[in-house]
Protein backbone atom coordinates (compact mmCIF):
# COMPACT_ATOMS: atom_id res chain seq x y z
CA MET A 1 145.75 167.09 84.79
CA ILE A 2 146.51 170.11 86.94
CA ILE A 3 147.10 173.68 85.48
CA ASP A 4 150.94 173.44 85.70
CA ASP A 5 150.69 170.28 83.47
CA TYR A 6 148.62 172.18 80.87
CA ALA A 7 151.07 175.09 80.99
CA ARG A 8 153.74 172.98 79.94
CA LEU A 9 151.97 171.15 77.06
CA PHE A 10 153.99 173.03 74.33
CA ARG A 11 157.34 173.05 76.26
CA LEU A 12 159.99 170.91 74.65
CA ASP A 13 162.85 171.26 77.31
CA GLY A 14 165.28 168.42 77.35
CA ARG A 15 164.38 167.37 73.93
CA GLN A 16 166.60 167.24 70.84
CA ALA A 17 164.99 168.41 67.55
CA LEU A 18 166.67 167.88 64.22
CA VAL A 19 165.20 170.10 61.47
CA VAL A 20 166.14 169.02 57.93
CA GLY A 21 165.96 172.08 55.58
CA ALA A 22 166.50 174.46 58.14
CA GLY A 23 168.52 176.94 56.04
CA ASN A 24 165.48 179.21 55.08
CA GLY A 25 161.74 179.37 54.93
CA ILE A 26 159.48 177.11 56.92
CA GLY A 27 162.43 175.07 58.00
CA ARG A 28 164.24 178.08 59.61
CA GLU A 29 161.10 179.31 61.32
CA SER A 30 160.24 175.65 62.59
CA ALA A 31 163.73 175.55 64.10
CA LEU A 32 163.34 178.87 65.88
CA ALA A 33 159.90 177.97 67.18
CA LEU A 34 161.04 174.71 68.53
CA ALA A 35 164.03 176.49 70.12
CA ALA A 36 161.74 178.92 71.80
CA GLN A 37 159.95 176.25 73.44
CA GLY A 38 163.17 174.94 75.00
CA ALA A 39 164.16 172.22 72.52
CA GLU A 40 167.88 171.75 71.66
CA VAL A 41 167.85 172.30 67.95
CA ILE A 42 170.10 170.87 65.32
CA ALA A 43 169.75 173.06 62.14
CA ALA A 44 170.43 170.66 58.94
CA ASP A 45 170.76 171.81 55.51
CA VAL A 46 172.64 171.09 52.36
CA ASP A 47 173.67 174.62 52.43
CA GLY A 48 176.19 174.62 55.40
CA ALA A 49 176.26 178.44 55.72
CA ALA A 50 172.59 178.76 55.86
CA ALA A 51 172.32 176.05 58.48
CA ALA A 52 174.98 177.72 60.48
CA ASP A 53 172.87 180.95 60.40
CA THR A 54 169.78 179.30 61.63
CA ALA A 55 171.74 177.46 64.32
CA ARG A 56 172.99 180.79 65.65
CA LEU A 57 169.65 182.35 65.57
CA ALA A 58 168.11 179.17 67.36
CA GLY A 59 170.90 178.88 69.94
CA GLY A 60 171.51 175.48 68.59
CA ARG A 61 174.15 173.71 66.42
CA ASP A 62 174.40 173.20 62.71
CA TYR A 63 174.88 170.12 60.59
CA GLN A 64 175.52 169.93 56.83
CA LEU A 65 173.39 167.31 55.34
CA ASP A 66 172.70 166.35 51.76
CA VAL A 67 169.47 164.24 51.74
CA LEU A 68 169.95 163.12 48.25
CA ASP A 69 172.92 161.02 49.50
CA PRO A 70 171.72 157.81 51.20
CA GLU A 71 175.06 157.27 53.01
CA ALA A 72 174.90 160.83 54.44
CA ILE A 73 171.50 160.17 55.96
CA ARG A 74 172.67 156.98 57.45
CA ALA A 75 175.88 158.78 58.87
CA ALA A 76 173.67 161.47 60.31
CA ALA A 77 171.38 159.02 62.21
CA ALA A 78 174.53 157.43 63.62
CA ASP A 79 176.15 160.79 64.46
CA LEU A 80 172.85 162.29 65.99
CA ASP A 81 171.68 159.23 68.05
CA GLU A 82 169.38 161.11 70.47
CA VAL A 83 167.05 162.83 68.26
CA ASP A 84 163.62 163.10 69.83
CA ILE A 85 161.89 165.25 67.06
CA LEU A 86 162.61 164.99 63.47
CA VAL A 87 161.15 167.54 61.10
CA PHE A 88 161.97 167.66 57.34
CA THR A 89 160.92 170.24 54.99
CA ALA A 90 163.20 170.03 52.00
CA ALA A 91 161.32 169.78 48.75
CA THR A 92 161.59 170.76 45.04
CA ASN A 93 159.02 171.28 42.20
CA VAL A 94 159.26 171.18 38.37
CA ARG A 95 156.21 172.92 36.97
CA LYS A 96 155.44 171.06 33.65
CA ARG A 97 152.57 169.30 32.41
CA ILE A 98 152.92 165.53 32.38
CA VAL A 99 153.62 165.16 28.71
CA ASP A 100 156.40 167.71 28.95
CA TYR A 101 158.05 166.09 31.93
CA THR A 102 161.39 164.31 31.31
CA ASP A 103 162.69 161.21 33.21
CA GLU A 104 165.26 163.47 34.74
CA ASP A 105 162.59 165.85 35.97
CA PHE A 106 160.66 163.08 37.41
CA ASP A 107 163.69 161.59 39.24
CA ARG A 108 164.64 164.94 40.57
CA VAL A 109 161.26 165.57 42.25
CA ILE A 110 160.71 162.02 43.41
CA GLY A 111 164.31 161.80 44.73
CA LEU A 112 163.98 164.81 47.03
CA ASN A 113 160.38 164.87 48.00
CA LEU A 114 159.80 161.17 48.46
CA ALA A 115 162.84 158.98 48.43
CA ALA A 116 164.89 161.23 50.67
CA SER A 117 161.81 161.49 53.02
CA PHE A 118 161.66 157.73 53.23
CA ARG A 119 165.21 157.34 54.09
CA LEU A 120 164.97 160.04 56.87
CA ILE A 121 161.94 158.40 58.30
CA ARG A 122 163.66 154.84 58.36
CA ALA A 123 167.05 156.21 59.54
CA PHE A 124 165.63 158.12 62.50
CA GLY A 125 162.58 156.18 63.21
CA ALA A 126 164.32 152.99 64.02
CA PRO A 127 166.40 154.44 66.90
CA MET A 128 163.47 156.45 68.23
CA ALA A 129 161.33 153.24 68.44
CA GLU A 130 164.21 151.56 70.19
CA ARG A 131 164.25 154.48 72.75
CA GLY A 132 160.33 154.16 72.95
CA ARG A 133 159.73 157.84 72.24
CA GLY A 134 159.84 160.36 69.34
CA SER A 135 157.96 162.58 66.90
CA ILE A 136 158.39 162.61 63.25
CA ILE A 137 156.98 165.65 61.17
CA GLY A 138 157.19 165.83 57.35
CA PHE A 139 155.83 168.41 55.13
CA SER A 140 153.19 167.70 52.58
CA SER A 141 151.02 170.11 50.75
CA ILE A 142 147.48 171.16 49.78
CA ARG A 143 148.55 169.48 46.38
CA ALA A 144 148.22 166.24 48.21
CA THR A 145 144.40 166.88 47.98
CA LEU A 146 143.72 169.50 45.20
CA VAL A 147 145.76 169.57 42.00
CA GLU A 148 146.18 171.83 39.06
CA PRO A 149 147.94 171.53 35.52
CA GLY A 150 151.73 171.29 36.00
CA GLN A 151 151.66 169.88 39.37
CA GLY A 152 151.30 166.13 38.80
CA VAL A 153 154.59 164.73 40.06
CA TYR A 154 154.88 167.11 42.85
CA ALA A 155 151.33 166.36 43.99
CA ALA A 156 152.04 162.58 43.62
CA THR A 157 155.13 162.95 46.09
CA LYS A 158 153.16 164.97 48.53
CA ALA A 159 150.15 162.51 48.62
CA GLY A 160 152.72 159.63 48.88
CA LEU A 161 154.39 161.20 51.86
CA ILE A 162 151.05 161.44 53.83
CA GLN A 163 150.74 157.56 53.15
CA LEU A 164 154.26 156.94 54.03
CA LEU A 165 154.00 158.83 57.31
CA ARG A 166 150.68 157.09 58.06
CA THR A 167 152.25 153.62 57.61
CA ALA A 168 155.12 154.72 59.70
CA ALA A 169 152.65 155.81 62.46
CA ALA A 170 151.22 152.29 62.26
CA GLU A 171 154.51 150.66 62.46
CA PHE A 172 156.23 152.88 65.10
CA GLY A 173 153.11 153.76 67.22
CA PRO A 174 153.39 150.56 69.41
CA SER A 175 156.95 151.82 70.35
CA GLY A 176 155.78 155.33 71.43
CA VAL A 177 156.85 157.22 68.16
CA ARG A 178 154.28 159.49 66.55
CA CYS A 179 154.37 160.42 62.66
CA ASN A 180 152.46 163.06 61.26
CA ALA A 181 152.33 165.48 58.26
CA VAL A 182 151.80 169.21 57.94
CA ALA A 183 150.23 170.34 54.77
CA PRO A 184 150.76 174.19 54.10
CA GLY A 185 148.94 176.28 51.56
CA ILE A 186 150.61 179.11 49.79
CA VAL A 187 153.61 180.24 51.76
CA GLU A 188 156.15 183.08 50.87
CA THR A 189 159.21 180.89 50.54
CA PRO A 190 161.97 180.31 47.98
CA LEU A 191 160.01 177.47 46.47
CA THR A 192 156.98 179.75 45.65
CA ALA A 193 159.20 182.57 44.05
CA GLN A 194 158.23 181.72 40.59
CA ILE A 195 154.53 182.32 41.44
CA ARG A 196 154.94 185.45 43.55
CA ALA A 197 156.91 186.92 40.63
CA ASP A 198 153.85 186.91 38.41
CA ARG A 199 151.55 189.51 40.05
CA ALA A 200 148.37 188.02 38.32
CA TRP A 201 149.18 184.54 39.44
CA SER A 202 150.20 185.60 42.90
CA ASP A 203 147.01 187.57 43.48
CA ALA A 204 144.79 184.81 41.96
CA TYR A 205 146.30 182.37 44.47
CA ALA A 206 145.79 184.81 47.48
CA GLN A 207 142.19 185.00 46.58
CA LYS A 208 141.67 181.17 46.45
CA SER A 209 142.19 180.83 50.26
CA ALA A 210 139.46 181.67 52.84
CA LEU A 211 141.71 184.20 54.35
CA GLY A 212 142.45 185.89 51.03
CA ARG A 213 146.35 186.06 51.41
CA TRP A 214 149.59 184.16 51.38
CA ALA A 215 151.02 182.92 54.67
CA GLN A 216 154.43 183.76 56.12
CA PRO A 217 156.69 180.85 57.05
CA SER A 218 156.32 181.71 60.76
CA GLU A 219 152.62 180.83 60.53
CA ILE A 220 153.40 177.30 59.75
CA ALA A 221 155.76 176.91 62.67
CA GLY A 222 153.08 176.67 65.32
CA ALA A 223 151.79 173.39 63.81
CA VAL A 224 155.30 171.94 64.21
CA VAL A 225 155.58 172.90 67.79
CA PHE A 226 152.05 171.41 68.45
CA LEU A 227 152.84 168.03 66.76
CA ALA A 228 156.45 167.84 68.41
CA GLY A 229 155.37 167.68 71.96
CA ASP A 230 152.87 166.64 74.61
CA ALA A 231 150.00 168.73 73.36
CA ALA A 232 149.78 166.22 70.46
CA SER A 233 150.42 163.10 72.53
CA TYR A 234 147.46 161.28 70.91
CA VAL A 235 148.02 162.63 67.44
CA THR A 236 149.59 160.19 65.06
CA GLY A 237 148.95 159.27 61.41
CA SER A 238 147.42 162.61 60.72
CA CYS A 239 147.83 165.48 58.25
CA LEU A 240 147.43 169.03 59.66
CA MET A 241 146.15 171.39 57.00
CA VAL A 242 147.58 174.93 57.55
CA ASP A 243 146.40 176.37 54.39
CA GLY A 244 144.27 179.55 55.20
CA GLY A 245 141.18 177.45 54.38
CA TRP A 246 142.23 176.75 50.78
CA THR A 247 141.06 173.18 50.88
CA ALA A 248 137.84 174.19 52.70
CA VAL A 249 136.76 176.47 49.78
CA ASP A 250 138.42 174.41 46.98
CA GLY A 251 140.47 177.18 45.68
CA ARG A 252 141.85 176.74 42.23
CA TYR A 253 143.82 178.55 39.40
CA THR A 254 145.05 177.49 36.16
CA PRO A 255 148.67 178.80 35.90
CA PRO A 256 150.55 179.43 32.76
CA ALA A 257 152.43 176.23 32.92
């Protein structure tokens, strides 16, 4: 390669990126980062107003999407038929020990974290494969590797998502579609508000990573840009840890769950 080619490794000009869960947190920052590298961003979220706000910031367009509705996902794939990059961040967590979990709790976490992810991969992966190109990026977690009391079902969904994306990488790879996961550590997002509201819990988590602090959502976005474009042209079926060294030093804290 020549220098000009390397200079464009992270550019995404001419590519359409759909970010699901773009209304706030990591999803919003991912949308902004992709737009900064030239992608045409579609900011999708169940919260239409939040999606519109992100779209305005990214210079793209918004799309209201409830990923818990299978038909809505199928309709989105039909409406947005030229997506080159799919990023999905939407997730939920019910912090309870296994014996305290209800069937409703279980279905809620599995439904959003795993079932909706499966449907997005299926709906958008198929047309990507037909066109012979594409990058699918899903969000796992350090909990796919390291667990703690009260995180059983959430951890299972995040581990399951990695295996789902690996299988998608195997099935779509011959058609030129790459599928990868990003596994953040502790990030200041609405999903972690419960932890950060407890000073002792929050500080304990911060000290469990090698960097000794929480991440900002913007610090995760670089991994998305990398996996989306040509810089990661030979990366598929992988899980990129963006955890401040948490898994390297085996951080653990037993929360008041």
